[in-house]
Amino acid sequence: MTKLAQWLWALALLGSAWAALTLGALDLPSSCREVLWPLPAYLLVSAG
């Protein structure tokens, strides 16, 4: 796999996990969901 493919797979995996947790695939308390919603923005700012 090229580095681009590796990064895209990792982003797809993390995005799927984030979407599953945020949209209620698991029964999480609402306080956890409130923390999960802005998580991609926090990660993007941290990477920058």
All heavy atoms as atom14 arrays in JSON, in Angstrom:
{
  "sequence": "MTKLAQWLWALALLGSAWAALTLGALDLPSSCREVLWPLPAYLLVSAG",
  "atom14_mask": [
    [1, 1, 1, 1, 1, 1, 1, 1, 0, 0, 0, 0, 0, 0],
    [1, 1, 1, 1, 1, 1, 1, 0, 0, 0, 0, 0, 0, 0],
    [1, 1, 1, 1, 1, 1, 1, 1, 1, 0, 0, 0, 0, 0],
    [1, 1, 1, 1, 1, 1, 1, 1, 0, 0, 0, 0, 0, 0],
    [1, 1, 1, 1, 1, 0, 0, 0, 0, 0, 0, 0, 0, 0],
    [1, 1, 1, 1, 1, 1, 1, 1, 1, 0, 0, 0, 0, 0],
    [1, 1, 1, 1, 1, 1, 1, 1, 1, 1, 1, 1, 1, 1],
    [1, 1, 1, 1, 1, 1, 1, 1, 0, 0, 0, 0, 0, 0],
    [1, 1, 1, 1, 1, 1, 1, 1, 1, 1, 1, 1, 1, 1],
    [1, 1, 1, 1, 1, 0, 0, 0, 0, 0, 0, 0, 0, 0],
    [1, 1, 1, 1, 1, 1, 1, 1, 0, 0, 0, 0, 0, 0],
    [1, 1, 1, 1, 1, 0, 0, 0, 0, 0, 0, 0, 0, 0],
    [1, 1, 1, 1, 1, 1, 1, 1, 0, 0, 0, 0, 0, 0],
    [1, 1, 1, 1, 1, 1, 1, 1, 0, 0, 0, 0, 0, 0],
    [1, 1, 1, 1, 0, 0, 0, 0, 0, 0, 0, 0, 0, 0],
    [1, 1, 1, 1, 1, 1, 0, 0, 0, 0, 0, 0, 0, 0],
    [1, 1, 1, 1, 1, 0, 0, 0, 0, 0, 0, 0, 0, 0],
    [1, 1, 1, 1, 1, 1, 1, 1, 1, 1, 1, 1, 1, 1],
    [1, 1, 1, 1, 1, 0, 0, 0, 0, 0, 0, 0, 0, 0],
    [1, 1, 1, 1, 1, 0, 0, 0, 0, 0, 0, 0, 0, 0],
    [1, 1, 1, 1, 1, 1, 1, 1, 0, 0, 0, 0, 0, 0],
    [1, 1, 1, 1, 1, 1, 1, 0, 0, 0, 0, 0, 0, 0],
    [1, 1, 1, 1, 1, 1, 1, 1, 0, 0, 0, 0, 0, 0],
    [1, 1, 1, 1, 0, 0, 0, 0, 0, 0, 0, 0, 0, 0],
    [1, 1, 1, 1, 1, 0, 0, 0, 0, 0, 0, 0, 0, 0],
    [1, 1, 1, 1, 1, 1, 1, 1, 0, 0, 0, 0, 0, 0],
    [1, 1, 1, 1, 1, 1, 1, 1, 0, 0, 0, 0, 0, 0],
    [1, 1, 1, 1, 1, 1, 1, 1, 0, 0, 0, 0, 0, 0],
    [1, 1, 1, 1, 1, 1, 1, 0, 0, 0, 0, 0, 0, 0],
    [1, 1, 1, 1, 1, 1, 0, 0, 0, 0, 0, 0, 0, 0],
    [1, 1, 1, 1, 1, 1, 0, 0, 0, 0, 0, 0, 0, 0],
    [1, 1, 1, 1, 1, 1, 0, 0, 0, 0, 0, 0, 0, 0],
    [1, 1, 1, 1, 1, 1, 1, 1, 1, 1, 1, 0, 0, 0],
    [1, 1, 1, 1, 1, 1, 1, 1, 1, 0, 0, 0, 0, 0],
    [1, 1, 1, 1, 1, 1, 1, 0, 0, 0, 0, 0, 0, 0],
    [1, 1, 1, 1, 1, 1, 1, 1, 0, 0, 0, 0, 0, 0],
    [1, 1, 1, 1, 1, 1, 1, 1, 1, 1, 1, 1, 1, 1],
    [1, 1, 1, 1, 1, 1, 1, 0, 0, 0, 0, 0, 0, 0],
    [1, 1, 1, 1, 1, 1, 1, 1, 0, 0, 0, 0, 0, 0],
    [1, 1, 1, 1, 1, 1, 1, 0, 0, 0, 0, 0, 0, 0],
    [1, 1, 1, 1, 1, 0, 0, 0, 0, 0, 0, 0, 0, 0],
    [1, 1, 1, 1, 1, 1, 1, 1, 1, 1, 1, 1, 0, 0],
    [1, 1, 1, 1, 1, 1, 1, 1, 0, 0, 0, 0, 0, 0],
    [1, 1, 1, 1, 1, 1, 1, 1, 0, 0, 0, 0, 0, 0],
    [1, 1, 1, 1, 1, 1, 1, 0, 0, 0, 0, 0, 0, 0],
    [1, 1, 1, 1, 1, 1, 0, 0, 0, 0, 0, 0, 0, 0],
    [1, 1, 1, 1, 1, 0, 0, 0, 0, 0, 0, 0, 0, 0],
    [1, 1, 1, 1, 0, 0, 0, 0, 0, 0, 0, 0, 0, 0]
  ],
  "atom14_positions": [
    [[0.84, -1.19, 0.0], [0.0, 0.0, 0.0], [0.88, 1.24, 0.0], [1.91, 1.29, 0.66], [-0.89, 0.02, 1.25], [-1.94, -1.04, 1.26], [-2.89, -1.04, 2.79], [-3.68, 0.52, 2.75], [0.0, 0.0, 0.0], [0.0, 0.0, 0.0], [0.0, 0.0, 0.0], [0.0, 0.0, 0.0], [0.0, 0.0, 0.0], [0.0, 0.0, 0.0]],
    [[0.45, 2.24, -0.72], [1.16, 3.51, -0.68], [0.81, 4.22, 0.63], [-0.13, 3.84, 1.33], [0.76, 4.4, -1.87], [-0.63, 4.68, -1.77], [1.08, 3.71, -3.18], [0.0, 0.0, 0.0], [0.0, 0.0, 0.0], [0.0, 0.0, 0.0], [0.0, 0.0, 0.0], [0.0, 0.0, 0.0], [0.0, 0.0, 0.0], [0.0, 0.0, 0.0]],
    [[1.58, 5.23, 0.95], [1.29, 5.99, 2.18], [-0.09, 6.63, 2.11], [-0.8, 6.69, 3.11], [2.35, 7.08, 2.39], [3.52, 6.65, 3.18], [3.09, 6.23, 4.55], [4.26, 5.94, 5.42], [3.89, 5.2, 6.61], [0.0, 0.0, 0.0], [0.0, 0.0, 0.0], [0.0, 0.0, 0.0], [0.0, 0.0, 0.0], [0.0, 0.0, 0.0]],
    [[-0.47, 7.11, 0.93], [-1.78, 7.71, 0.77], [-2.88, 6.7, 1.07], [-3.84, 7.01, 1.79], [-1.95, 8.28, -0.64], [-3.34, 8.85, -0.96], [-3.64, 10.04, -0.06], [-3.42, 9.23, -2.41], [0.0, 0.0, 0.0], [0.0, 0.0, 0.0], [0.0, 0.0, 0.0], [0.0, 0.0, 0.0], [0.0, 0.0, 0.0], [0.0, 0.0, 0.0]],
    [[-2.73, 5.5, 0.56], [-3.73, 4.46, 0.81], [-3.79, 4.11, 2.3], [-4.87, 3.91, 2.85], [-3.43, 3.22, -0.02], [0.0, 0.0, 0.0], [0.0, 0.0, 0.0], [0.0, 0.0, 0.0], [0.0, 0.0, 0.0], [0.0, 0.0, 0.0], [0.0, 0.0, 0.0], [0.0, 0.0, 0.0], [0.0, 0.0, 0.0], [0.0, 0.0, 0.0]],
    [[-2.63, 4.06, 2.95], [-2.61, 3.77, 4.38], [-3.34, 4.86, 5.16], [-4.14, 4.57, 6.07], [-1.17, 3.65, 4.88], [-0.47, 2.41, 4.39], [0.99, 2.39, 4.82], [1.51, 3.34, 5.4], [1.66, 1.29, 4.51], [0.0, 0.0, 0.0], [0.0, 0.0, 0.0], [0.0, 0.0, 0.0], [0.0, 0.0, 0.0], [0.0, 0.0, 0.0]],
    [[-3.07, 6.13, 4.83], [-3.74, 7.23, 5.51], [-5.24, 7.21, 5.25], [-6.04, 7.46, 6.16], [-3.15, 8.57, 5.08], [-1.89, 8.91, 5.81], [-0.62, 8.77, 5.37], [-1.79, 9.43, 7.14], [0.26, 9.17, 6.33], [-0.41, 9.59, 7.43], [-2.71, 9.78, 8.11], [0.04, 10.07, 8.64], [-2.25, 10.27, 9.33], [-0.89, 10.41, 9.58]],
    [[-5.64, 6.93, 4.02], [-7.06, 6.89, 3.71], [-7.77, 5.76, 4.45], [-8.89, 5.94, 4.94], [-7.27, 6.77, 2.21], [-6.9, 8.01, 1.39], [-7.06, 7.73, -0.1], [-7.75, 9.21, 1.81], [0.0, 0.0, 0.0], [0.0, 0.0, 0.0], [0.0, 0.0, 0.0], [0.0, 0.0, 0.0], [0.0, 0.0, 0.0], [0.0, 0.0, 0.0]],
    [[-7.13, 4.6, 4.53], [-7.72, 3.5, 5.29], [-7.85, 3.87, 6.78], [-8.87, 3.58, 7.41], [-6.89, 2.22, 5.14], [-7.29, 1.4, 3.98], [-6.6, 1.26, 2.81], [-8.47, 0.62, 3.84], [-7.3, 0.44, 1.97], [-8.44, 0.03, 2.57], [-9.56, 0.37, 4.67], [-9.45, -0.81, 2.11], [-10.57, -0.46, 4.22], [-10.52, -1.04, 2.96]],
    [[-6.81, 4.47, 7.33], [-6.86, 4.86, 8.75], [-7.96, 5.89, 8.99], [-8.71, 5.79, 9.97], [-5.51, 5.4, 9.19], [0.0, 0.0, 0.0], [0.0, 0.0, 0.0], [0.0, 0.0, 0.0], [0.0, 0.0, 0.0], [0.0, 0.0, 0.0], [0.0, 0.0, 0.0], [0.0, 0.0, 0.0], [0.0, 0.0, 0.0], [0.0, 0.0, 0.0]],
    [[-8.07, 6.87, 8.08], [-9.12, 7.88, 8.23], [-10.51, 7.27, 8.09], [-11.44, 7.62, 8.83], [-8.94, 9.0, 7.22], [-7.81, 9.98, 7.51], [-7.63, 10.95, 6.35], [-8.06, 10.73, 8.8], [0.0, 0.0, 0.0], [0.0, 0.0, 0.0], [0.0, 0.0, 0.0], [0.0, 0.0, 0.0], [0.0, 0.0, 0.0], [0.0, 0.0, 0.0]],
    [[-10.66, 6.33, 7.16], [-11.95, 5.66, 6.99], [-12.3, 4.85, 8.22], [-13.46, 4.86, 8.68], [-11.92, 4.77, 5.75], [0.0, 0.0, 0.0], [0.0, 0.0, 0.0], [0.0, 0.0, 0.0], [0.0, 0.0, 0.0], [0.0, 0.0, 0.0], [0.0, 0.0, 0.0], [0.0, 0.0, 0.0], [0.0, 0.0, 0.0], [0.0, 0.0, 0.0]],
    [[-11.33, 4.16, 8.79], [-11.57, 3.36, 9.99], [-11.94, 4.25, 11.18], [-12.93, 3.99, 11.89], [-10.33, 2.52, 10.31], [-10.44, 1.56, 11.47], [-11.47, 0.5, 11.18], [-9.09, 0.94, 11.75], [0.0, 0.0, 0.0], [0.0, 0.0, 0.0], [0.0, 0.0, 0.0], [0.0, 0.0, 0.0], [0.0, 0.0, 0.0], [0.0, 0.0, 0.0]],
    [[-11.16, 5.31, 11.39], [-11.46, 6.22, 12.5], [-12.79, 6.94, 12.29], [-13.56, 7.13, 13.23], [-10.33, 7.23, 12.67], [-9.02, 6.67, 13.22], [-7.94, 7.73, 13.19], [-9.22, 6.15, 14.63], [0.0, 0.0, 0.0], [0.0, 0.0, 0.0], [0.0, 0.0, 0.0], [0.0, 0.0, 0.0], [0.0, 0.0, 0.0], [0.0, 0.0, 0.0]],
    [[-13.06, 7.36, 11.04], [-14.32, 8.02, 10.75], [-15.52, 7.12, 10.96], [-16.56, 7.54, 11.48], [0.0, 0.0, 0.0], [0.0, 0.0, 0.0], [0.0, 0.0, 0.0], [0.0, 0.0, 0.0], [0.0, 0.0, 0.0], [0.0, 0.0, 0.0], [0.0, 0.0, 0.0], [0.0, 0.0, 0.0], [0.0, 0.0, 0.0], [0.0, 0.0, 0.0]],
    [[-15.37, 5.86, 10.59], [-16.46, 4.9, 10.81], [-16.71, 4.67, 12.29], [-17.86, 4.61, 12.74], [-16.14, 3.57, 10.13], [-15.98, 3.74, 8.75], [0.0, 0.0, 0.0], [0.0, 0.0, 0.0], [0.0, 0.0, 0.0], [0.0, 0.0, 0.0], [0.0, 0.0, 0.0], [0.0, 0.0, 0.0], [0.0, 0.0, 0.0], [0.0, 0.0, 0.0]],
    [[-15.63, 4.54, 13.05], [-15.78, 4.35, 14.49], [-16.41, 5.58, 15.12], [-17.31, 5.47, 15.99], [-14.42, 4.06, 15.12], [0.0, 0.0, 0.0], [0.0, 0.0, 0.0], [0.0, 0.0, 0.0], [0.0, 0.0, 0.0], [0.0, 0.0, 0.0], [0.0, 0.0, 0.0], [0.0, 0.0, 0.0], [0.0, 0.0, 0.0], [0.0, 0.0, 0.0]],
    [[-15.97, 6.76, 14.7], [-16.54, 8.0, 15.25], [-18.04, 8.1, 14.91], [-18.85, 8.43, 15.76], [-15.8, 9.21, 14.69], [-16.41, 10.51, 15.08], [-16.28, 11.17, 16.26], [-17.29, 11.31, 14.28], [-17.01, 12.32, 16.25], [-17.65, 12.43, 15.05], [-17.81, 11.18, 13.01], [-18.5, 13.41, 14.57], [-18.66, 12.17, 12.53], [-18.99, 13.26, 13.31]],
    [[-18.39, 7.81, 13.65], [-19.79, 7.89, 13.24], [-20.64, 6.88, 14.0], [-21.75, 7.18, 14.44], [-19.91, 7.66, 11.74], [0.0, 0.0, 0.0], [0.0, 0.0, 0.0], [0.0, 0.0, 0.0], [0.0, 0.0, 0.0], [0.0, 0.0, 0.0], [0.0, 0.0, 0.0], [0.0, 0.0, 0.0], [0.0, 0.0, 0.0], [0.0, 0.0, 0.0]],
    [[-20.11, 5.66, 14.19], [-20.87, 4.64, 14.91], [-21.1, 5.06, 16.35], [-22.2, 4.9, 16.89], [-20.13, 3.31, 14.84], [0.0, 0.0, 0.0], [0.0, 0.0, 0.0], [0.0, 0.0, 0.0], [0.0, 0.0, 0.0], [0.0, 0.0, 0.0], [0.0, 0.0, 0.0], [0.0, 0.0, 0.0], [0.0, 0.0, 0.0], [0.0, 0.0, 0.0]],
    [[-20.08, 5.6, 16.99], [-20.23, 6.02, 18.39], [-21.12, 7.25, 18.51], [-21.92, 7.36, 19.43], [-18.86, 6.29, 19.0], [-17.97, 5.07, 19.23], [-16.59, 5.52, 19.67], [-18.59, 4.15, 20.25], [0.0, 0.0, 0.0], [0.0, 0.0, 0.0], [0.0, 0.0, 0.0], [0.0, 0.0, 0.0], [0.0, 0.0, 0.0], [0.0, 0.0, 0.0]],
    [[-20.98, 8.18, 17.6], [-21.73, 9.43, 17.68], [-23.2, 9.22, 17.35], [-24.08, 9.82, 17.98], [-21.13, 10.46, 16.71], [-19.76, 10.63, 17.04], [-21.81, 11.8, 16.86], [0.0, 0.0, 0.0], [0.0, 0.0, 0.0], [0.0, 0.0, 0.0], [0.0, 0.0, 0.0], [0.0, 0.0, 0.0], [0.0, 0.0, 0.0], [0.0, 0.0, 0.0]],
    [[-23.48, 8.39, 16.38], [-24.86, 8.2, 15.93], [-25.62, 7.16, 16.74], [-26.77, 6.87, 16.42], [-24.89, 7.86, 14.44], [-24.3, 8.95, 13.55], [-24.25, 8.49, 12.12], [-25.08, 10.24, 13.69], [0.0, 0.0, 0.0], [0.0, 0.0, 0.0], [0.0, 0.0, 0.0], [0.0, 0.0, 0.0], [0.0, 0.0, 0.0], [0.0, 0.0, 0.0]],
    [[-25.0, 6.59, 17.76], [-25.73, 5.76, 18.69], [-25.7, 4.28, 18.42], [-26.63, 3.57, 18.8], [0.0, 0.0, 0.0], [0.0, 0.0, 0.0], [0.0, 0.0, 0.0], [0.0, 0.0, 0.0], [0.0, 0.0, 0.0], [0.0, 0.0, 0.0], [0.0, 0.0, 0.0], [0.0, 0.0, 0.0], [0.0, 0.0, 0.0], [0.0, 0.0, 0.0]],
    [[-24.66, 3.76, 17.77], [-24.55, 2.32, 17.57], [-24.37, 1.61, 18.91], [-24.83, 0.51, 19.11], [-23.4, 1.99, 16.64], [0.0, 0.0, 0.0], [0.0, 0.0, 0.0], [0.0, 0.0, 0.0], [0.0, 0.0, 0.0], [0.0, 0.0, 0.0], [0.0, 0.0, 0.0], [0.0, 0.0, 0.0], [0.0, 0.0, 0.0], [0.0, 0.0, 0.0]],
    [[-23.69, 2.28, 19.82], [-23.56, 1.78, 21.19], [-24.35, 2.69, 22.11], [-24.53, 3.87, 21.84], [-22.08, 1.77, 21.62], [-21.15, 0.83, 20.85], [-19.72, 1.04, 21.32], [-21.57, -0.61, 21.03], [0.0, 0.0, 0.0], [0.0, 0.0, 0.0], [0.0, 0.0, 0.0], [0.0, 0.0, 0.0], [0.0, 0.0, 0.0], [0.0, 0.0, 0.0]],
    [[-24.82, 2.13, 23.19], [-25.62, 2.92, 24.13], [-24.68, 3.68, 25.07], [-24.35, 3.21, 26.15], [-26.55, 2.0, 24.92], [-27.58, 2.79, 25.71], [-27.89, 3.92, 25.29], [-28.06, 2.27, 26.74], [0.0, 0.0, 0.0], [0.0, 0.0, 0.0], [0.0, 0.0, 0.0], [0.0, 0.0, 0.0], [0.0, 0.0, 0.0], [0.0, 0.0, 0.0]],
    [[-24.24, 4.85, 24.6], [-23.34, 5.69, 25.4], [-24.15, 6.77, 26.1], [-25.17, 7.23, 25.59], [-22.31, 6.36, 24.49], [-21.29, 5.46, 23.82], [-20.42, 6.29, 22.88], [-20.41, 4.78, 24.84], [0.0, 0.0, 0.0], [0.0, 0.0, 0.0], [0.0, 0.0, 0.0], [0.0, 0.0, 0.0], [0.0, 0.0, 0.0], [0.0, 0.0, 0.0]],
    [[-23.69, 7.2, 27.26], [-24.36, 8.33, 27.92], [-24.26, 9.58, 27.05], [-23.35, 9.73, 26.23], [-23.58, 8.52, 29.22], [-22.73, 7.32, 29.38], [-22.6, 6.66, 28.06], [0.0, 0.0, 0.0], [0.0, 0.0, 0.0], [0.0, 0.0, 0.0], [0.0, 0.0, 0.0], [0.0, 0.0, 0.0], [0.0, 0.0, 0.0], [0.0, 0.0, 0.0]],
    [[-25.19, 10.48, 27.21], [-25.22, 11.68, 26.38], [-23.98, 12.56, 26.6], [-23.55, 13.26, 25.68], [-26.49, 12.49, 26.65], [-26.49, 12.94, 27.98], [0.0, 0.0, 0.0], [0.0, 0.0, 0.0], [0.0, 0.0, 0.0], [0.0, 0.0, 0.0], [0.0, 0.0, 0.0], [0.0, 0.0, 0.0], [0.0, 0.0, 0.0], [0.0, 0.0, 0.0]],
    [[-23.41, 12.52, 27.8], [-22.21, 13.32, 28.05], [-21.04, 12.84, 27.18], [-20.25, 13.63, 26.69], [-21.82, 13.29, 29.52], [-21.54, 11.95, 29.92], [0.0, 0.0, 0.0], [0.0, 0.0, 0.0], [0.0, 0.0, 0.0], [0.0, 0.0, 0.0], [0.0, 0.0, 0.0], [0.0, 0.0, 0.0], [0.0, 0.0, 0.0], [0.0, 0.0, 0.0]],
    [[-20.97, 11.54, 26.95], [-19.9, 11.0, 26.07], [-20.15, 11.42, 24.63], [-19.21, 11.75, 23.91], [-19.85, 9.48, 26.16], [-19.2, 8.88, 27.72], [0.0, 0.0, 0.0], [0.0, 0.0, 0.0], [0.0, 0.0, 0.0], [0.0, 0.0, 0.0], [0.0, 0.0, 0.0], [0.0, 0.0, 0.0], [0.0, 0.0, 0.0], [0.0, 0.0, 0.0]],
    [[-21.41, 11.4, 24.2], [-21.73, 11.81, 22.83], [-21.44, 13.29, 22.63], [-21.02, 13.69, 21.55], [-23.19, 11.51, 22.52], [-23.33, 10.16, 21.93], [-24.66, 9.99, 21.22], [-25.09, 8.64, 21.53], [-26.17, 8.34, 22.21], [-26.98, 9.27, 22.61], [-26.46, 7.09, 22.48], [0.0, 0.0, 0.0], [0.0, 0.0, 0.0], [0.0, 0.0, 0.0]],
    [[-21.65, 14.1, 23.64], [-21.35, 15.53, 23.53], [-19.86, 15.77, 23.35], [-19.46, 16.72, 22.69], [-21.85, 16.27, 24.77], [-23.36, 16.39, 24.84], [-23.82, 17.04, 26.12], [-22.97, 17.54, 26.89], [-25.04, 17.04, 26.35], [0.0, 0.0, 0.0], [0.0, 0.0, 0.0], [0.0, 0.0, 0.0], [0.0, 0.0, 0.0], [0.0, 0.0, 0.0]],
    [[-19.05, 14.91, 23.93], [-17.6, 15.03, 23.77], [-17.19, 14.52, 22.39], [-16.25, 15.05, 21.78], [-16.86, 14.26, 24.88], [-15.38, 14.17, 24.61], [-17.12, 14.89, 26.23], [0.0, 0.0, 0.0], [0.0, 0.0, 0.0], [0.0, 0.0, 0.0], [0.0, 0.0, 0.0], [0.0, 0.0, 0.0], [0.0, 0.0, 0.0], [0.0, 0.0, 0.0]],
    [[-17.88, 13.53, 21.86], [-17.52, 12.93, 20.58], [-17.82, 13.83, 19.39], [-17.12, 13.76, 18.38], [-18.24, 11.59, 20.39], [-17.7, 10.42, 21.21], [-18.61, 9.22, 21.05], [-16.3, 10.08, 20.78], [0.0, 0.0, 0.0], [0.0, 0.0, 0.0], [0.0, 0.0, 0.0], [0.0, 0.0, 0.0], [0.0, 0.0, 0.0], [0.0, 0.0, 0.0]],
    [[-18.86, 14.65, 19.46], [-19.24, 15.47, 18.31], [-18.11, 16.37, 17.83], [-17.8, 16.38, 16.64], [-20.48, 16.31, 18.6], [-21.74, 15.57, 18.34], [-22.62, 15.11, 19.25], [-22.26, 15.16, 17.06], [-23.65, 14.44, 18.65], [-23.46, 14.46, 17.29], [-21.82, 15.32, 15.76], [-24.2, 13.93, 16.27], [-22.59, 14.78, 14.74], [-23.75, 14.1, 15.0]],
    [[-17.46, 17.15, 18.68], [-16.39, 18.04, 18.17], [-15.02, 17.37, 18.05], [-14.04, 18.02, 17.69], [-16.35, 19.17, 19.19], [-16.77, 18.53, 20.46], [-17.79, 17.48, 20.06], [0.0, 0.0, 0.0], [0.0, 0.0, 0.0], [0.0, 0.0, 0.0], [0.0, 0.0, 0.0], [0.0, 0.0, 0.0], [0.0, 0.0, 0.0], [0.0, 0.0, 0.0]],
    [[-14.93, 16.07, 18.32], [-13.64, 15.39, 18.31], [-12.89, 15.53, 16.98], [-11.68, 15.79, 16.99], [-13.82, 13.92, 18.68], [-12.55, 13.12, 18.93], [-11.79, 13.71, 20.1], [-12.88, 11.67, 19.18], [0.0, 0.0, 0.0], [0.0, 0.0, 0.0], [0.0, 0.0, 0.0], [0.0, 0.0, 0.0], [0.0, 0.0, 0.0], [0.0, 0.0, 0.0]],
    [[-13.52, 15.39, 15.81], [-12.75, 15.57, 14.56], [-12.14, 16.96, 14.43], [-11.01, 17.11, 13.95], [-13.79, 15.33, 13.46], [-14.81, 14.47, 14.1], [-14.86, 14.9, 15.53], [0.0, 0.0, 0.0], [0.0, 0.0, 0.0], [0.0, 0.0, 0.0], [0.0, 0.0, 0.0], [0.0, 0.0, 0.0], [0.0, 0.0, 0.0], [0.0, 0.0, 0.0]],
    [[-12.86, 17.98, 14.88], [-12.3, 19.34, 14.81], [-11.09, 19.46, 15.74], [-10.08, 20.07, 15.37], [-13.37, 20.37, 15.19], [0.0, 0.0, 0.0], [0.0, 0.0, 0.0], [0.0, 0.0, 0.0], [0.0, 0.0, 0.0], [0.0, 0.0, 0.0], [0.0, 0.0, 0.0], [0.0, 0.0, 0.0], [0.0, 0.0, 0.0], [0.0, 0.0, 0.0]],
    [[-11.18, 18.9, 16.94], [-10.05, 18.94, 17.86], [-8.85, 18.2, 17.27], [-7.71, 18.66, 17.38], [-10.41, 18.3, 19.2], [-11.42, 19.08, 20.01], [-12.3, 18.43, 20.87], [-11.51, 20.47, 19.93], [-13.23, 19.13, 21.61], [-12.44, 21.17, 20.66], [-13.29, 20.5, 21.5], [-14.21, 21.18, 22.24], [0.0, 0.0, 0.0], [0.0, 0.0, 0.0]],
    [[-9.1, 17.05, 16.65], [-8.0, 16.3, 16.05], [-7.38, 17.05, 14.88], [-6.16, 17.03, 14.7], [-8.49, 14.92, 15.6], [-8.87, 13.96, 16.72], [-9.44, 12.67, 16.14], [-7.69, 13.67, 17.62], [0.0, 0.0, 0.0], [0.0, 0.0, 0.0], [0.0, 0.0, 0.0], [0.0, 0.0, 0.0], [0.0, 0.0, 0.0], [0.0, 0.0, 0.0]],
    [[-8.2, 17.72, 14.1], [-7.68, 18.5, 12.97], [-6.82, 19.67, 13.45], [-5.73, 19.92, 12.92], [-8.83, 19.01, 12.11], [-8.47, 19.7, 10.82], [-7.76, 18.72, 9.89], [-9.7, 20.26, 10.16], [0.0, 0.0, 0.0], [0.0, 0.0, 0.0], [0.0, 0.0, 0.0], [0.0, 0.0, 0.0], [0.0, 0.0, 0.0], [0.0, 0.0, 0.0]],
    [[-7.27, 20.36, 14.48], [-6.49, 21.47, 15.05], [-5.19, 20.94, 15.65], [-4.12, 21.54, 15.47], [-7.33, 22.25, 16.07], [-6.47, 23.22, 16.87], [-8.46, 22.98, 15.38], [0.0, 0.0, 0.0], [0.0, 0.0, 0.0], [0.0, 0.0, 0.0], [0.0, 0.0, 0.0], [0.0, 0.0, 0.0], [0.0, 0.0, 0.0], [0.0, 0.0, 0.0]],
    [[-5.26, 19.81, 16.33], [-4.04, 19.22, 16.92], [-3.05, 18.83, 15.84], [-1.84, 19.06, 15.98], [-4.4, 17.99, 17.75], [-5.22, 18.34, 18.82], [0.0, 0.0, 0.0], [0.0, 0.0, 0.0], [0.0, 0.0, 0.0], [0.0, 0.0, 0.0], [0.0, 0.0, 0.0], [0.0, 0.0, 0.0], [0.0, 0.0, 0.0], [0.0, 0.0, 0.0]],
    [[-3.53, 18.23, 14.75], [-2.64, 17.85, 13.65], [-2.01, 19.09, 13.02], [-0.83, 19.08, 12.66], [-3.41, 17.04, 12.6], [0.0, 0.0, 0.0], [0.0, 0.0, 0.0], [0.0, 0.0, 0.0], [0.0, 0.0, 0.0], [0.0, 0.0, 0.0], [0.0, 0.0, 0.0], [0.0, 0.0, 0.0], [0.0, 0.0, 0.0], [0.0, 0.0, 0.0]],
    [[-2.78, 20.16, 12.87], [-2.24, 21.4, 12.33], [-1.17, 22.0, 13.22], [-0.14, 22.47, 12.74], [0.0, 0.0, 0.0], [0.0, 0.0, 0.0], [0.0, 0.0, 0.0], [0.0, 0.0, 0.0], [0.0, 0.0, 0.0], [0.0, 0.0, 0.0], [0.0, 0.0, 0.0], [0.0, 0.0, 0.0], [0.0, 0.0, 0.0], [0.0, 0.0, 0.0]]
  ]
}
